[in-house]
Structures are given as C-alpha cells and as structure tokens.
Amino acid sequence: MSLFKTGELGFYLQDAYVQEWVDNTMIFLEVEDVDRYWRDLLALNLPAKYADSRLTPIKVNDWGRECFLHDPSGILWHFGEFA
C-alpha cells in the first residue's frame, strides 16, 4: 500500500485492480486554488511518463472551476474550486 498526502488530507492506494470498479470511479478533490493544482499537474508531465494518462485544462462552471486528470488506471480525478 502507498499513502498519498497533501496537507491534512491523505488516502491509501493498494495493488488491486478491478476493471468494473475503475470504469465507474470518479474522485473529486476540492481545492482552494485550482490554478495552483493545474500548474502542479502540468509540471509533473504525466502524459509523457504514462501513456494512458491525460490532463484536461480548467473549465469554468456555474458552481466554480475544475480541471481533470485521467490517471493511468482510467480513474477520472476532478480538482475543483467552488465559487
């Protein structure tokens, strides 16, 4: 298992893969500054390191702003900042 932590938030990942679960998983991480997270994600250069990863730039919605990461396993991560 691996622990990922930012500030007071943390979560564990384990070496387990269930296709049905991955195909239906979306994780929303509320952040205070979506611009910062977007810059940090770009700096990681994930699409160059992981063929199946993809970044989607910041979108403006009526509720706030968000950007997206499709991770190499297929899980969709939302990084969102509420207005």
C-alpha atoms as a PDB file:
ATOM      1  CA  MET A   1       0.000   0.000   0.000  1.00  0.00           C
ATOM      2  CA  SER A   2       1.051   3.597  -0.633  1.00  0.00           C
ATOM      3  CA  LEU A   3      -0.023   6.677   1.308  1.00  0.00           C
ATOM      4  CA  PHE A   4      -0.578   9.901  -0.651  1.00  0.00           C
ATOM      5  CA  LYS A   5      -0.868  13.059   1.410  1.00  0.00           C
ATOM      6  CA  THR A   6      -1.411  16.768   0.826  1.00  0.00           C
ATOM      7  CA  GLY A   7      -1.874  18.996   3.848  1.00  0.00           C
ATOM      8  CA  GLU A   8      -4.243  17.241   6.232  1.00  0.00           C
ATOM      9  CA  LEU A   9      -5.762  15.019   3.511  1.00  0.00           C
ATOM     10  CA  GLY A  10      -4.431  11.558   2.868  1.00  0.00           C
ATOM     11  CA  PHE A  11      -5.533   8.366   1.162  1.00  0.00           C
ATOM     12  CA  TYR A  12      -4.096   4.919   0.557  1.00  0.00           C
ATOM     13  CA  LEU A  13      -3.725   3.038  -2.705  1.00  0.00           C
ATOM     14  CA  GLN A  14      -3.181  -0.688  -2.838  1.00  0.00           C
ATOM     15  CA  ASP A  15      -2.044  -3.052  -5.543  1.00  0.00           C
ATOM     16  CA  ALA A  16      -5.514  -4.231  -6.581  1.00  0.00           C
ATOM     17  CA  TYR A  17      -7.298  -3.781  -9.911  1.00  0.00           C
ATOM     18  CA  VAL A  18     -10.997  -4.434 -10.519  1.00  0.00           C
ATOM     19  CA  GLN A  19     -11.981  -3.297 -14.027  1.00  0.00           C
ATOM     20  CA  GLU A  20     -15.667  -2.739 -13.184  1.00  0.00           C
ATOM     21  CA  TRP A  21     -14.704  -0.511 -10.262  1.00  0.00           C
ATOM     22  CA  VAL A  22     -12.164   1.510 -12.245  1.00  0.00           C
ATOM     23  CA  ASP A  23     -14.591   2.019 -15.147  1.00  0.00           C
ATOM     24  CA  ASN A  24     -17.060   3.653 -12.762  1.00  0.00           C
ATOM     25  CA  THR A  25     -14.773   5.664 -10.491  1.00  0.00           C
ATOM     26  CA  MET A  26     -14.501   9.430 -10.327  1.00  0.00           C
ATOM     27  CA  ILE A  27     -12.766  11.229  -7.468  1.00  0.00           C
ATOM     28  CA  PHE A  28     -13.488  14.892  -6.716  1.00  0.00           C
ATOM     29  CA  LEU A  29     -10.850  16.737  -4.716  1.00  0.00           C
ATOM     30  CA  GLU A  30     -11.988  20.165  -3.530  1.00  0.00           C
ATOM     31  CA  VAL A  31      -9.084  22.632  -3.604  1.00  0.00           C
ATOM     32  CA  GLU A  32      -8.715  26.301  -2.672  1.00  0.00           C
ATOM     33  CA  ASP A  33      -6.718  27.268  -5.779  1.00  0.00           C
ATOM     34  CA  VAL A  34      -7.397  25.240  -8.912  1.00  0.00           C
ATOM     35  CA  ASP A  35      -4.819  27.295 -10.838  1.00  0.00           C
ATOM     36  CA  ARG A  36      -2.093  26.058  -8.488  1.00  0.00           C
ATOM     37  CA  TYR A  37      -3.147  22.442  -8.890  1.00  0.00           C
ATOM     38  CA  TRP A  38      -3.274  22.822 -12.669  1.00  0.00           C
ATOM     39  CA  ARG A  39       0.297  24.197 -12.700  1.00  0.00           C
ATOM     40  CA  ASP A  40       1.440  21.396 -10.385  1.00  0.00           C
ATOM     41  CA  LEU A  41      -0.182  18.735 -12.577  1.00  0.00           C
ATOM     42  CA  LEU A  42       1.425  20.196 -15.713  1.00  0.00           C
ATOM     43  CA  ALA A  43       4.826  20.271 -14.013  1.00  0.00           C
ATOM     44  CA  LEU A  44       4.589  16.523 -13.339  1.00  0.00           C
ATOM     45  CA  ASN A  45       4.495  15.892 -17.115  1.00  0.00           C
ATOM     46  CA  LEU A  46       2.274  12.855 -16.529  1.00  0.00           C
ATOM     47  CA  PRO A  47       1.173  12.215 -20.150  1.00  0.00           C
ATOM     48  CA  ALA A  48       4.836  11.904 -21.173  1.00  0.00           C
ATOM     49  CA  LYS A  49       5.518   9.464 -18.331  1.00  0.00           C
ATOM     50  CA  TYR A  50       2.310   7.409 -18.508  1.00  0.00           C
ATOM     51  CA  ALA A  51       0.830   6.688 -21.930  1.00  0.00           C
ATOM     52  CA  ASP A  52      -2.719   6.268 -20.655  1.00  0.00           C
ATOM     53  CA  SER A  53      -2.850   9.463 -18.589  1.00  0.00           C
ATOM     54  CA  ARG A  54      -4.473  12.663 -19.827  1.00  0.00           C
ATOM     55  CA  LEU A  55      -4.937  16.194 -18.485  1.00  0.00           C
ATOM     56  CA  THR A  56      -7.898  18.442 -19.288  1.00  0.00           C
ATOM     57  CA  PRO A  57      -7.445  22.194 -18.702  1.00  0.00           C
ATOM     58  CA  ILE A  58      -9.516  24.267 -16.281  1.00  0.00           C
ATOM     59  CA  LYS A  59     -13.201  24.550 -17.136  1.00  0.00           C
ATOM     60  CA  VAL A  60     -15.443  27.277 -15.751  1.00  0.00           C
ATOM     61  CA  ASN A  61     -18.830  26.083 -14.484  1.00  0.00           C
ATOM     62  CA  ASP A  62     -21.710  27.916 -12.806  1.00  0.00           C
ATOM     63  CA  TRP A  63     -20.630  26.440  -9.435  1.00  0.00           C
ATOM     64  CA  GLY A  64     -16.873  27.109  -9.808  1.00  0.00           C
ATOM     65  CA  ARG A  65     -13.851  25.861 -11.746  1.00  0.00           C
ATOM     66  CA  GLU A  66     -12.185  22.474 -12.205  1.00  0.00           C
ATOM     67  CA  CYS A  67      -9.508  20.615 -14.128  1.00  0.00           C
ATOM     68  CA  PHE A  68      -9.211  16.888 -14.743  1.00  0.00           C
ATOM     69  CA  LEU A  69      -6.682  14.087 -14.656  1.00  0.00           C
ATOM     70  CA  HIS A  70      -7.391  10.714 -16.231  1.00  0.00           C
ATOM     71  CA  ASP A  71      -4.866   8.584 -14.378  1.00  0.00           C
ATOM     72  CA  PRO A  72      -3.084   5.609 -15.976  1.00  0.00           C
ATOM     73  CA  SER A  73      -5.562   3.148 -14.466  1.00  0.00           C
ATOM     74  CA  GLY A  74      -8.522   5.011 -16.017  1.00  0.00           C
ATOM     75  CA  ILE A  75      -9.838   6.788 -12.918  1.00  0.00           C
ATOM     76  CA  LEU A  76     -11.048  10.341 -13.525  1.00  0.00           C
ATOM     77  CA  TRP A  77      -9.812  12.886 -10.975  1.00  0.00           C
ATOM     78  CA  HIS A  78     -11.587  16.257 -10.647  1.00  0.00           C
ATOM     79  CA  PHE A  79      -9.699  19.104  -8.943  1.00  0.00           C
ATOM     80  CA  GLY A  80     -12.400  21.683  -8.217  1.00  0.00           C
ATOM     81  CA  GLU A  81     -12.652  25.090  -6.629  1.00  0.00           C
ATOM     82  CA  PHE A  82     -16.124  26.295  -5.625  1.00  0.00           C
ATOM     83  CA  ALA A  83     -17.060  29.919  -6.331  1.00  0.00           C
END
